[in-house]
PDB file of N, CA and C in Angstrom:
ATOM      1  N   MET A   1      27.607  87.656 -18.250  1.00  0.00           N
ATOM      2  CA  MET A   1      27.778  87.232 -16.889  1.00  0.00           C
ATOM      3  C   MET A   1      28.568  88.306 -16.146  1.00  0.00           C
ATOM      4  N   ILE A   2      28.171  88.565 -14.893  1.00  0.00           N
ATOM      5  CA  ILE A   2      28.868  89.575 -14.097  1.00  0.00           C
ATOM      6  C   ILE A   2      29.368  88.975 -12.785  1.00  0.00           C
ATOM      7  N   HIS A   3      30.238  89.721 -12.126  1.00  0.00           N
ATOM      8  CA  HIS A   3      30.718  89.395 -10.792  1.00  0.00           C
ATOM      9  C   HIS A   3      30.181  90.475  -9.863  1.00  0.00           C
ATOM     10  N   VAL A   4      29.730  90.077  -8.668  1.00  0.00           N
ATOM     11  CA  VAL A   4      29.132  91.027  -7.726  1.00  0.00           C
ATOM     12  C   VAL A   4      29.893  90.990  -6.407  1.00  0.00           C
ATOM     13  N   TYR A   5      30.140  92.189  -5.875  1.00  0.00           N
ATOM     14  CA  TYR A   5      30.871  92.355  -4.621  1.00  0.00           C
ATOM     15  C   TYR A   5      29.973  93.127  -3.663  1.00  0.00           C
ATOM     16  N   LEU A   6      29.488  92.454  -2.607  1.00  0.00           N
ATOM     17  CA  LEU A   6      28.626  93.083  -1.606  1.00  0.00           C
ATOM     18  C   LEU A   6      29.477  93.573  -0.442  1.00  0.00           C
ATOM     19  N   ASP A   7      29.563  94.896  -0.297  1.00  0.00           N
ATOM     20  CA  ASP A   7      30.327  95.475   0.811  1.00  0.00           C
ATOM     21  C   ASP A   7      30.022  96.961   0.899  1.00  0.00           C
ATOM     22  N   ASP A   8      29.900  97.456   2.126  1.00  0.00           N
ATOM     23  CA  ASP A   8      29.618  98.880   2.313  1.00  0.00           C
ATOM     24  C   ASP A   8      30.878  99.714   2.536  1.00  0.00           C
ATOM     25  N   LEU A   9      32.014  99.086   2.829  1.00  0.00           N
ATOM     26  CA  LEU A   9      33.228  99.833   3.146  1.00  0.00           C
ATOM     27  C   LEU A   9      34.430  99.520   2.264  1.00  0.00           C
ATOM     28  N   ARG A  10      34.688  98.257   2.027  1.00  0.00           N
ATOM     29  CA  ARG A  10      35.881  97.870   1.282  1.00  0.00           C
ATOM     30  C   ARG A  10      35.774  98.355  -0.170  1.00  0.00           C
ATOM     31  N   PRO A  11      36.916  98.673  -0.778  1.00  0.00           N
ATOM     32  CA  PRO A  11      36.873  99.055  -2.193  1.00  0.00           C
ATOM     33  C   PRO A  11      36.502  97.850  -3.061  1.00  0.00           C
ATOM     34  N   CYS A  12      35.727  98.124  -4.073  1.00  0.00           N
ATOM     35  CA  CYS A  12      35.276  97.071  -4.984  1.00  0.00           C
ATOM     36  C   CYS A  12      36.414  96.676  -5.916  1.00  0.00           C
ATOM     37  N   PRO A  13      36.700  95.390  -6.028  1.00  0.00           N
ATOM     38  CA  PRO A  13      37.751  94.952  -6.959  1.00  0.00           C
ATOM     39  C   PRO A  13      37.383  95.283  -8.402  1.00  0.00           C
ATOM     40  N   GLN A  14      38.392  95.549  -9.191  1.00  0.00           N
ATOM     41  CA  GLN A  14      38.193  95.817 -10.610  1.00  0.00           C
ATOM     42  C   GLN A  14      37.547  94.604 -11.269  1.00  0.00           C
ATOM     43  N   GLY A  15      36.545  94.850 -12.099  1.00  0.00           N
ATOM     44  CA  GLY A  15      35.856  93.773 -12.797  1.00  0.00           C
ATOM     45  C   GLY A  15      34.616  93.280 -12.081  1.00  0.00           C
ATOM     46  N   PHE A  16      34.281  93.895 -10.947  1.00  0.00           N
ATOM     47  CA  PHE A  16      33.102  93.520 -10.170  1.00  0.00           C
ATOM     48  C   PHE A  16      32.103  94.667 -10.156  1.00  0.00           C
ATOM     49  N   ALA A  17      30.838  94.326 -10.058  1.00  0.00           N
ATOM     50  CA  ALA A  17      29.786  95.312  -9.812  1.00  0.00           C
ATOM     51  C   ALA A  17      29.633  95.427  -8.302  1.00  0.00           C
ATOM     52  N   LEU A  18      29.636  96.654  -7.785  1.00  0.00           N
ATOM     53  CA  LEU A  18      29.531  96.873  -6.354  1.00  0.00           C
ATOM     54  C   LEU A  18      28.074  96.977  -5.926  1.00  0.00           C
ATOM     55  N   ALA A  19      27.739  96.238  -4.881  1.00  0.00           N
ATOM     56  CA  ALA A  19      26.451  96.382  -4.206  1.00  0.00           C
ATOM     57  C   ALA A  19      26.787  96.803  -2.783  1.00  0.00           C
ATOM     58  N   LYS A  20      26.307  97.980  -2.376  1.00  0.00           N
ATOM     59  CA  LYS A  20      26.623  98.489  -1.042  1.00  0.00           C
ATOM     60  C   LYS A  20      25.622  98.041   0.010  1.00  0.00           C
ATOM     61  N   ASP A  21      24.506  97.453  -0.434  1.00  0.00           N
ATOM     62  CA  ASP A  21      23.517  96.964   0.523  1.00  0.00           C
ATOM     63  C   ASP A  21      22.782  95.767  -0.069  1.00  0.00           C
ATOM     64  N   VAL A  22      21.939  95.165   0.741  1.00  0.00           N
ATOM     65  CA  VAL A  22      21.220  93.955   0.335  1.00  0.00           C
ATOM     66  C   VAL A  22      20.321  94.228  -0.862  1.00  0.00           C
ATOM     67  N   LYS A  23      19.621  95.350  -0.843  1.00  0.00           N
ATOM     68  CA  LYS A  23      18.705  95.683  -1.939  1.00  0.00           C
ATOM     69  C   LYS A  23      19.435  95.744  -3.277  1.00  0.00           C
ATOM     70  N   GLU A  24      20.567  96.434  -3.321  1.00  0.00           N
ATOM     71  CA  GLU A  24      21.353  96.513  -4.557  1.00  0.00           C
ATOM     72  C   GLU A  24      21.827  95.136  -4.999  1.00  0.00           C
ATOM     73  N   CYS A  25      22.260  94.327  -4.045  1.00  0.00           N
ATOM     74  CA  CYS A  25      22.759  92.990  -4.364  1.00  0.00           C
ATOM     75  C   CYS A  25      21.657  92.119  -4.961  1.00  0.00           C
ATOM     76  N   LEU A  26      20.481  92.159  -4.339  1.00  0.00           N
ATOM     77  CA  LEU A  26      19.371  91.345  -4.841  1.00  0.00           C
ATOM     78  C   LEU A  26      18.929  91.804  -6.215  1.00  0.00           C
ATOM     79  N   LEU A  27      18.944  93.109  -6.472  1.00  0.00           N
ATOM     80  CA  LEU A  27      18.596  93.604  -7.809  1.00  0.00           C
ATOM     81  C   LEU A  27      19.549  93.050  -8.863  1.00  0.00           C
ATOM     82  N   LEU A  28      20.839  93.045  -8.547  1.00  0.00           N
ATOM     83  CA  LEU A  28      21.817  92.491  -9.485  1.00  0.00           C
ATOM     84  C   LEU A  28      21.616  90.990  -9.675  1.00  0.00           C
ATOM     85  N   LEU A  29      21.360  90.283  -8.592  1.00  0.00           N
ATOM     86  CA  LEU A  29      21.145  88.832  -8.683  1.00  0.00           C
ATOM     87  C   LEU A  29      19.889  88.493  -9.476  1.00  0.00           C
ATOM     88  N   GLU A  30      18.869  89.336  -9.377  1.00  0.00           N
ATOM     89  CA  GLU A  30      17.628  89.096 -10.123  1.00  0.00           C
ATOM     90  C   GLU A  30      17.786  89.424 -11.601  1.00  0.00           C
ATOM     91  N   GLU A  31      18.558  90.466 -11.904  1.00  0.00           N
ATOM     92  CA  GLU A  31      18.638  90.958 -13.276  1.00  0.00           C
ATOM     93  C   GLU A  31      19.702  90.286 -14.135  1.00  0.00           C
ATOM     94  N   PHE A  32      20.777  89.828 -13.508  1.00  0.00           N
ATOM     95  CA  PHE A  32      21.910  89.294 -14.262  1.00  0.00           C
ATOM     96  C   PHE A  32      22.247  87.871 -13.839  1.00  0.00           C
ATOM     97  N   GLU A  33      22.914  87.182 -14.741  1.00  0.00           N
ATOM     98  CA  GLU A  33      23.513  85.906 -14.375  1.00  0.00           C
ATOM     99  C   GLU A  33      24.841  86.236 -13.703  1.00  0.00           C
ATOM    100  N   VAL A  34      25.005  85.792 -12.461  1.00  0.00           N
ATOM    101  CA  VAL A  34      26.191  86.138 -11.685  1.00  0.00           C
ATOM    102  C   VAL A  34      27.135  84.935 -11.641  1.00  0.00           C
ATOM    103  N   ASP A  35      28.376  85.194 -12.020  1.00  0.00           N
ATOM    104  CA  ASP A  35      29.400  84.156 -12.013  1.00  0.00           C
ATOM    105  C   ASP A  35      30.027  84.056 -10.621  1.00  0.00           C
ATOM    106  N   ILE A  36      30.592  85.151 -10.128  1.00  0.00           N
ATOM    107  CA  ILE A  36      31.218  85.183  -8.805  1.00  0.00           C
ATOM    108  C   ILE A  36      30.482  86.194  -7.942  1.00  0.00           C
ATOM    109  N   LEU A  37      30.120  85.759  -6.740  1.00  0.00           N
ATOM    110  CA  LEU A  37      29.503  86.628  -5.745  1.00  0.00           C
ATOM    111  C   LEU A  37      30.385  86.600  -4.502  1.00  0.00           C
ATOM    112  N   SER A  38      30.773  87.784  -4.027  1.00  0.00           N
ATOM    113  CA  SER A  38      31.570  87.870  -2.809  1.00  0.00           C
ATOM    114  C   SER A  38      30.764  88.641  -1.773  1.00  0.00           C
ATOM    115  N   LEU A  39      30.575  88.040  -0.603  1.00  0.00           N
ATOM    116  CA  LEU A  39      29.663  88.571   0.401  1.00  0.00           C
ATOM    117  C   LEU A  39      30.351  89.051   1.676  1.00  0.00           C
ATOM    118  N   ASP A  40      29.992  90.250   2.088  1.00  0.00           N
ATOM    119  CA  ASP A  40      30.303  90.743   3.420  1.00  0.00           C
ATOM    120  C   ASP A  40      29.075  90.450   4.273  1.00  0.00           C
ATOM    121  N   HIS A  41      29.219  90.512   5.576  1.00  0.00           N
ATOM    122  CA  HIS A  41      28.064  90.317   6.458  1.00  0.00           C
ATOM    123  C   HIS A  41      27.537  91.636   6.978  1.00  0.00           C
ATOM    124  N   ASP A  42      28.346  92.354   7.736  1.00  0.00           N
ATOM    125  CA  ASP A  42      27.907  93.615   8.332  1.00  0.00           C
ATOM    126  C   ASP A  42      27.933  94.717   7.279  1.00  0.00           C
ATOM    127  N   LEU A  43      26.810  95.402   7.138  1.00  0.00           N
ATOM    128  CA  LEU A  43      26.680  96.392   6.069  1.00  0.00           C
ATOM    129  C   LEU A  43      26.353  97.783   6.593  1.00  0.00           C
ATOM    130  N   GLY A  44      26.966  98.173   7.672  1.00  0.00           N
ATOM    131  CA  GLY A  44      26.817  99.530   8.175  1.00  0.00           C
ATOM    132  C   GLY A  44      25.868  99.642   9.344  1.00  0.00           C
ATOM    133  N   TRP A  45      25.842 100.838   9.907  1.00  0.00           N
ATOM    134  CA  TRP A  45      25.073 101.103  11.119  1.00  0.00           C
ATOM    135  C   TRP A  45      23.637 101.489  10.823  1.00  0.00           C
ATOM    136  N   THR A  46      23.326 101.844   9.590  1.00  0.00           N
ATOM    137  CA  THR A  46      21.987 102.367   9.282  1.00  0.00           C
ATOM    138  C   THR A  46      21.023 101.302   8.776  1.00  0.00           C
ATOM    139  N   THR A  47      21.436 100.065   8.741  1.00  0.00           N
ATOM    140  CA  THR A  47      20.572  99.002   8.239  1.00  0.00           C
ATOM    141  C   THR A  47      20.642  97.784   9.161  1.00  0.00           C
ATOM    142  N   THR A  48      19.545  97.068   9.227  1.00  0.00           N
ATOM    143  CA  THR A  48      19.542  95.819   9.984  1.00  0.00           C
ATOM    144  C   THR A  48      19.787  94.634   9.062  1.00  0.00           C
ATOM    145  N   GLN A  49      19.804  94.892   7.751  1.00  0.00           N
ATOM    146  CA  GLN A  49      20.048  93.809   6.807  1.00  0.00           C
ATOM    147  C   GLN A  49      21.535  93.512   6.718  1.00  0.00           C
ATOM    148  N   THR A  50      21.832  92.244   6.498  1.00  0.00           N
ATOM    149  CA  THR A  50      23.217  91.778   6.422  1.00  0.00           C
ATOM    150  C   THR A  50      23.390  90.851   5.226  1.00  0.00           C
ATOM    151  N   GLY A  51      24.623  90.418   5.034  1.00  0.00           N
ATOM    152  CA  GLY A  51      24.892  89.444   3.986  1.00  0.00           C
ATOM    153  C   GLY A  51      24.109  88.152   4.174  1.00  0.00           C
ATOM    154  N   MET A  52      23.733  87.845   5.414  1.00  0.00           N
ATOM    155  CA  MET A  52      22.918  86.653   5.670  1.00  0.00           C
ATOM    156  C   MET A  52      21.563  86.776   4.974  1.00  0.00           C
ATOM    157  N   ASP A  53      21.029  87.977   4.843  1.00  0.00           N
ATOM    158  CA  ASP A  53      19.769  88.157   4.124  1.00  0.00           C
ATOM    159  C   ASP A  53      19.911  87.764   2.653  1.00  0.00           C
ATOM    160  N   VAL A  54      21.060  88.029   2.075  1.00  0.00           N
ATOM    161  CA  VAL A  54      21.324  87.596   0.697  1.00  0.00           C
ATOM    162  C   VAL A  54      21.407  86.075   0.641  1.00  0.00           C
ATOM    163  N   VAL A  55      22.091  85.478   1.607  1.00  0.00           N
ATOM    164  CA  VAL A  55      22.209  84.023   1.672  1.00  0.00           C
ATOM    165  C   VAL A  55      20.813  83.384   1.769  1.00  0.00           C
ATOM    166  N   ILE A  56      19.981  83.905   2.635  1.00  0.00           N
ATOM    167  CA  ILE A  56      18.621  83.369   2.796  1.00  0.00           C
ATOM    168  C   ILE A  56      17.853  83.483   1.483  1.00  0.00           C
ATOM    169  N   TRP A  57      17.983  84.619   0.800  1.00  0.00           N
ATOM    170  CA  TRP A  57      17.306  84.815  -0.490  1.00  0.00           C
ATOM    171  C   TRP A  57      17.809  83.781  -1.507  1.00  0.00           C
ATOM    172  N   LEU A  58      19.118  83.588  -1.584  1.00  0.00           N
ATOM    173  CA  LEU A  58      19.687  82.610  -2.526  1.00  0.00           C
ATOM    174  C   LEU A  58      19.122  81.212  -2.274  1.00  0.00           C
ATOM    175  N   VAL A  59      19.074  80.832  -1.008  1.00  0.00           N
ATOM    176  CA  VAL A  59      18.584  79.503  -0.641  1.00  0.00           C
ATOM    177  C   VAL A  59      17.089  79.378  -0.960  1.00  0.00           C
ATOM    178  N   GLN A  60      16.314  80.391  -0.621  1.00  0.00           N
ATOM    179  CA  GLN A  60      14.869  80.343  -0.880  1.00  0.00           C
ATOM    180  C   GLN A  60      14.559  80.325  -2.369  1.00  0.00           C
ATOM    181  N   GLN A  61      15.295  81.113  -3.138  1.00  0.00           N
ATOM    182  CA  GLN A  61      15.052  81.210  -4.584  1.00  0.00           C
ATOM    183  C   GLN A  61      15.705  80.069  -5.358  1.00  0.00           C
ATOM    184  N   ARG A  62      16.635  79.378  -4.700  1.00  0.00           N
ATOM    185  CA  ARG A  62      17.425  78.330  -5.368  1.00  0.00           C
ATOM    186  C   ARG A  62      18.119  78.901  -6.606  1.00  0.00           C
ATOM    187  N   LYS A  63      18.630  80.102  -6.442  1.00  0.00           N
ATOM    188  CA  LYS A  63      19.321  80.796  -7.532  1.00  0.00           C
ATOM    189  C   LYS A  63      20.742  81.088  -7.070  1.00  0.00           C
ATOM    190  N   PHE A  64      21.667  80.234  -7.472  1.00  0.00           N
ATOM    191  CA  PHE A  64      23.029  80.332  -6.985  1.00  0.00           C
ATOM    192  C   PHE A  64      23.991  80.745  -8.095  1.00  0.00           C
ATOM    193  N   PRO A  65      24.892  81.667  -7.783  1.00  0.00           N
ATOM    194  CA  PRO A  65      25.989  81.946  -8.717  1.00  0.00           C
ATOM    195  C   PRO A  65      26.883  80.719  -8.834  1.00  0.00           C
ATOM    196  N   LYS A  66      27.755  80.739  -9.812  1.00  0.00           N
ATOM    197  CA  LYS A  66      28.686  79.627  -9.991  1.00  0.00           C
ATOM    198  C   LYS A  66      29.633  79.509  -8.793  1.00  0.00           C
ATOM    199  N   THR A  67      30.068  80.671  -8.273  1.00  0.00           N
ATOM    200  CA  THR A  67      31.037  80.689  -7.181  1.00  0.00           C
ATOM    201  C   THR A  67      30.651  81.751  -6.164  1.00  0.00           C
ATOM    202  N   ILE A  68      30.745  81.402  -4.879  1.00  0.00           N
ATOM    203  CA  ILE A  68      30.498  82.357  -3.801  1.00  0.00           C
ATOM    204  C   ILE A  68      31.685  82.355  -2.853  1.00  0.00           C
ATOM    205  N   TYR A  69      32.171  83.568  -2.570  1.00  0.00           N
ATOM    206  CA  TYR A  69      33.180  83.788  -1.543  1.00  0.00           C
ATOM    207  C   TYR A  69      32.511  84.551  -0.408  1.00  0.00           C
ATOM    208  N   ILE A  70      32.913  84.265   0.814  1.00  0.00           N
ATOM    209  CA  ILE A  70      32.409  84.996   1.978  1.00  0.00           C
ATOM    210  C   ILE A  70      33.606  85.730   2.573  1.00  0.00           C
ATOM    211  N   HIS A  71      33.660  87.041   2.332  1.00  0.00           N
ATOM    212  CA  HIS A  71      34.842  87.813   2.742  1.00  0.00           C
ATOM    213  C   HIS A  71      34.644  88.609   4.031  1.00  0.00           C
ATOM    214  N   THR A  72      33.580  88.336   4.767  1.00  0.00           N
ATOM    215  CA  THR A  72      33.345  89.063   6.011  1.00  0.00           C
ATOM    216  C   THR A  72      34.470  88.848   7.014  1.00  0.00           C
ATOM    217  N   SER A  73      34.706  89.850   7.851  1.00  0.00           N
ATOM    218  CA  SER A  73      35.726  89.722   8.892  1.00  0.00           C
ATOM    219  C   SER A  73      35.153  89.130  10.179  1.00  0.00           C
ATOM    220  N   SER A  74      33.873  88.803  10.180  1.00  0.00           N
ATOM    221  CA  SER A  74      33.235  88.197  11.347  1.00  0.00           C
ATOM    222  C   SER A  74      33.272  86.673  11.230  1.00  0.00           C
ATOM    223  N   PRO A  75      34.094  85.994  12.034  1.00  0.00           N
ATOM    224  CA  PRO A  75      34.177  84.537  11.941  1.00  0.00           C
ATOM    225  C   PRO A  75      32.838  83.842  12.210  1.00  0.00           C
ATOM    226  N   THR A  76      32.074  84.344  13.153  1.00  0.00           N
ATOM    227  CA  THR A  76      30.773  83.744  13.472  1.00  0.00           C
ATOM    228  C   THR A  76      29.810  83.871  12.301  1.00  0.00           C
ATOM    229  N   ALA A  77      29.755  85.065  11.712  1.00  0.00           N
ATOM    230  CA  ALA A  77      28.874  85.281  10.564  1.00  0.00           C
ATOM    231  C   ALA A  77      29.323  84.453   9.366  1.00  0.00           C
ATOM    232  N   CYS A  78      30.622  84.372   9.155  1.00  0.00           N
ATOM    233  CA  CYS A  78      31.146  83.578   8.043  1.00  0.00           C
ATOM    234  C   CYS A  78      30.722  82.122   8.183  1.00  0.00           C
ATOM    235  N   THR A  79      30.868  81.577   9.363  1.00  0.00           N
ATOM    236  CA  THR A  79      30.491  80.181   9.604  1.00  0.00           C
ATOM    237  C   THR A  79      29.005  79.963   9.368  1.00  0.00           C
ATOM    238  N   ALA A  80      28.174  80.861   9.869  1.00  0.00           N
ATOM    239  CA  ALA A  80      26.722  80.719   9.699  1.00  0.00           C
ATOM    240  C   ALA A  80      26.327  80.815   8.225  1.00  0.00           C
ATOM    241  N   MET A  81      26.888  81.778   7.505  1.00  0.00           N
ATOM    242  CA  MET A  81      26.574  81.943   6.083  1.00  0.00           C
ATOM    243  C   MET A  81      27.056  80.726   5.286  1.00  0.00           C
ATOM    244  N   TYR A  82      28.267  80.296   5.577  1.00  0.00           N
ATOM    245  CA  TYR A  82      28.841  79.140   4.881  1.00  0.00           C
ATOM    246  C   TYR A  82      27.991  77.889   5.105  1.00  0.00           C
ATOM    247  N   GLN A  83      27.625  77.627   6.353  1.00  0.00           N
ATOM    248  CA  GLN A  83      26.852  76.423   6.655  1.00  0.00           C
ATOM    249  C   GLN A  83      25.496  76.428   5.950  1.00  0.00           C
ATOM    250  N   MET A  84      24.822  77.581   5.947  1.00  0.00           N
ATOM    251  CA  MET A  84      23.527  77.643   5.278  1.00  0.00           C
ATOM    252  C   MET A  84      23.676  77.407   3.779  1.00  0.00           C
ATOM    253  N   LEU A  85      24.681  78.023   3.168  1.00  0.00           N
ATOM    254  CA  LEU A  85      24.898  77.838   1.731  1.00  0.00           C
ATOM    255  C   LEU A  85      25.348  76.417   1.415  1.00  0.00           C
ATOM    256  N   TYR A  86      26.213  75.856   2.238  1.00  0.00           N
ATOM    257  CA  TYR A  86      26.737  74.517   1.985  1.00  0.00           C
ATOM    258  C   TYR A  86      25.622  73.472   1.974  1.00  0.00           C
ATOM    259  N   THR A  87      24.670  73.599   2.887  1.00  0.00           N
ATOM    260  CA  THR A  87      23.598  72.612   2.946  1.00  0.00           C
ATOM    261  C   THR A  87      22.642  72.721   1.756  1.00  0.00           C
ATOM    262  N   ALA A  88      22.624  73.883   1.094  1.00  0.00           N
ATOM    263  CA  ALA A  88      21.680  74.089  -0.008  1.00  0.00           C
ATOM    264  C   ALA A  88      22.341  74.133  -1.379  1.00  0.00           C
ATOM    265  N   LYS A  89      23.661  74.161  -1.429  1.00  0.00           N
ATOM    266  CA  LYS A  89      24.349  74.375  -2.696  1.00  0.00           C
ATOM    267  C   LYS A  89      24.087  73.269  -3.698  1.00  0.00           C
ATOM    268  N   THR A  90      24.146  73.660  -4.950  1.00  0.00           N
ATOM    269  CA  THR A  90      23.916  72.723  -6.034  1.00  0.00           C
ATOM    270  C   THR A  90      25.245  72.117  -6.489  1.00  0.00           C
ATOM    271  N   ASP A  91      25.155  71.013  -7.224  1.00  0.00           N
ATOM    272  CA  ASP A  91      26.357  70.410  -7.796  1.00  0.00           C
ATOM    273  C   ASP A  91      27.011  71.420  -8.726  1.00  0.00           C
ATOM    274  N   GLY A  92      28.312  71.517  -8.650  1.00  0.00           N
ATOM    275  CA  GLY A  92      29.046  72.417  -9.519  1.00  0.00           C
ATOM    276  C   GLY A  92      29.200  73.823  -8.971  1.00  0.00           C
ATOM    277  N   MET A  93      28.531  74.136  -7.870  1.00  0.00           N
ATOM    278  CA  MET A  93      28.690  75.451  -7.256  1.00  0.00           C
ATOM    279  C   MET A  93      29.896  75.418  -6.328  1.00  0.00           C
ATOM    280  N   ASN A  94      30.757  76.433  -6.455  1.00  0.00           N
ATOM    281  CA  ASN A  94      31.940  76.542  -5.601  1.00  0.00           C
ATOM    282  C   ASN A  94      31.636  77.492  -4.451  1.00  0.00           C
ATOM    283  N   LEU A  95      32.048  77.126  -3.253  1.00  0.00           N
ATOM    284  CA  LEU A  95      31.778  77.915  -2.058  1.00  0.00           C
ATOM    285  C   LEU A  95      33.038  77.993  -1.215  1.00  0.00           C
ATOM    286  N   TYR A  96      33.435  79.232  -0.864  1.00  0.00           N
ATOM    287  CA  TYR A  96      34.678  79.439  -0.114  1.00  0.00           C
ATOM    288  C   TYR A  96      34.439  80.382   1.067  1.00  0.00           C
ATOM    289  N   PRO A  97      34.885  79.998   2.274  1.00  0.00           N
ATOM    290  CA  PRO A  97      34.710  80.836   3.456  1.00  0.00           C
ATOM    291  C   PRO A  97      35.877  81.812   3.670  1.00  0.00           C
ATOM    292  N   HIS A  98      36.294  82.463   2.603  1.00  0.00           N
ATOM    293  CA  HIS A  98      37.400  83.427   2.681  1.00  0.00           C
ATOM    294  C   HIS A  98      37.308  84.396   1.506  1.00  0.00           C
ATOM    295  N   ARG A  99      38.146  85.402   1.548  1.00  0.00           N
ATOM    296  CA  ARG A  99      38.152  86.408   0.489  1.00  0.00           C
ATOM    297  C   ARG A  99      38.637  85.803  -0.833  1.00  0.00           C
ATOM    298  N   ILE A 100      38.393  86.513  -1.897  1.00  0.00           N
ATOM    299  CA  ILE A 100      38.819  86.081  -3.230  1.00  0.00           C
ATOM    300  C   ILE A 100      40.348  86.119  -3.290  1.00  0.00           C
ATOM    301  N   PRO A 101      40.973  85.054  -3.758  1.00  0.00           N
ATOM    302  CA  PRO A 101      42.442  85.037  -3.835  1.00  0.00           C
ATOM    303  C   PRO A 101      42.974  86.142  -4.759  1.00  0.00           C
ATOM    304  N   ASP A 102      44.125  86.681  -4.395  1.00  0.00           N
ATOM    305  CA  ASP A 102      44.720  87.778  -5.158  1.00  0.00           C
ATOM    306  C   ASP A 102      44.973  87.416  -6.617  1.00  0.00           C
ATOM    307  N   ASP A 103      45.422  86.177  -6.865  1.00  0.00           N
ATOM    308  CA  ASP A 103      45.704  85.796  -8.257  1.00  0.00           C
ATOM    309  C   ASP A 103      44.432  85.793  -9.096  1.00  0.00           C
ATOM    310  N   LEU A 104      43.307  85.397  -8.522  1.00  0.00           N
ATOM    311  CA  LEU A 104      42.040  85.427  -9.246  1.00  0.00           C
ATOM    312  C   LEU A 104      41.595  86.865  -9.480  1.00  0.00           C
ATOM    313  N   LEU A 105      41.741  87.717  -8.468  1.00  0.00           N
ATOM    314  CA  LEU A 105      41.412  89.140  -8.640  1.00  0.00           C
ATOM    315  C   LEU A 105      42.236  89.754  -9.758  1.00  0.00           C
ATOM    316  N   MET A 106      43.510  89.383  -9.839  1.00  0.00           N
ATOM    317  CA  MET A 106      44.389  89.904 -10.891  1.00  0.00           C
ATOM    318  C   MET A 106      43.930  89.424 -12.273  1.00  0.00           C
ATOM    319  N   GLN A 107      43.569  88.148 -12.376  1.00  0.00           N
ATOM    320  CA  GLN A 107      43.080  87.623 -13.660  1.00  0.00           C
ATOM    321  C   GLN A 107      41.829  88.373 -14.119  1.00  0.00           C
ATOM    322  N   ILE A 108      40.907  88.601 -13.199  1.00  0.00           N
ATOM    323  CA  ILE A 108      39.675  89.302 -13.536  1.00  0.00           C
ATOM    324  C   ILE A 108      39.968  90.731 -13.945  1.00  0.00           C
ATOM    325  N   ALA A 109      40.813  91.428 -13.179  1.00  0.00           N
ATOM    326  CA  ALA A 109      41.170  92.815 -13.485  1.00  0.00           C
ATOM    327  C   ALA A 109      41.840  92.945 -14.841  1.00  0.00           C
ATOM    328  N   GLN A 110      42.636  91.959 -15.210  1.00  0.00           N
ATOM    329  CA  GLN A 110      43.364  92.007 -16.478  1.00  0.00           C
ATOM    330  C   GLN A 110      42.568  91.420 -17.644  1.00  0.00           C
ATOM    331  N   GLY A 111      41.343  90.966 -17.364  1.00  0.00           N
ATOM    332  CA  GLY A 111      40.518  90.388 -18.425  1.00  0.00           C
ATOM    333  C   GLY A 111      40.972  89.010 -18.852  1.00  0.00           C
ATOM    334  N   LYS A 112      41.732  88.318 -18.011  1.00  0.00           N
ATOM    335  CA  LYS A 112      42.268  87.007 -18.349  1.00  0.00           C
ATOM    336  C   LYS A 112      41.521  85.872 -17.656  1.00  0.00           C
ATOM    337  N   TYR A 113      40.461  86.197 -16.959  1.00  0.00           N
ATOM    338  CA  TYR A 113      39.691  85.191 -16.236  1.00  0.00           C
ATOM    339  C   TYR A 113      38.966  84.298 -17.223  1.00  0.00           C
ATOM    340  N   THR A 114      39.099  82.995 -17.037  1.00  0.00           N
ATOM    341  CA  THR A 114      38.520  82.026 -17.975  1.00  0.00           C
ATOM    342  C   THR A 114      37.270  81.347 -17.445  1.00  0.00           C
ATOM    343  N   GLY A 115      36.846  81.743 -16.268  1.00  0.00           N
ATOM    344  CA  GLY A 115      35.650  81.123 -15.691  1.00  0.00           C
ATOM    345  C   GLY A 115      35.956  80.016 -14.716  1.00  0.00           C
ATOM    346  N   GLU A 116      37.200  79.776 -14.448  1.00  0.00           N
ATOM    347  CA  GLU A 116      37.596  78.753 -13.486  1.00  0.00           C
ATOM    348  C   GLU A 116      38.019  79.431 -12.195  1.00  0.00           C
ATOM    349  N   ALA A 117      37.133  79.414 -11.198  1.00  0.00           N
ATOM    350  CA  ALA A 117      37.462  80.080  -9.927  1.00  0.00           C
ATOM    351  C   ALA A 117      38.296  79.182  -9.051  1.00  0.00           C
TER     352      ALA A 117
END
């Protein structure tokens, strides 16, 4: 199981696989079982794809990680992504409209994460 961090600018937290664009993120989601997925919305000036495209793919495929965080700095995008995921989420899936808490990042970085987000 892996953790995926979708962002074109922020540094990738230790213990996460970095996806800098939608294509990379979808490849990871298709190939691996993802435990924690953290999503940005805006992914640079050279692409029209956003984190919402990943959300739409997740909903259409009905393939959800155990936990999703939405770490975008855009409140409007965060609300839209959260609402779409919330209406489609499965039982047992955790969904948070904020960045990954520091204590959880520390557990993952230190290899002490037990799977409880």
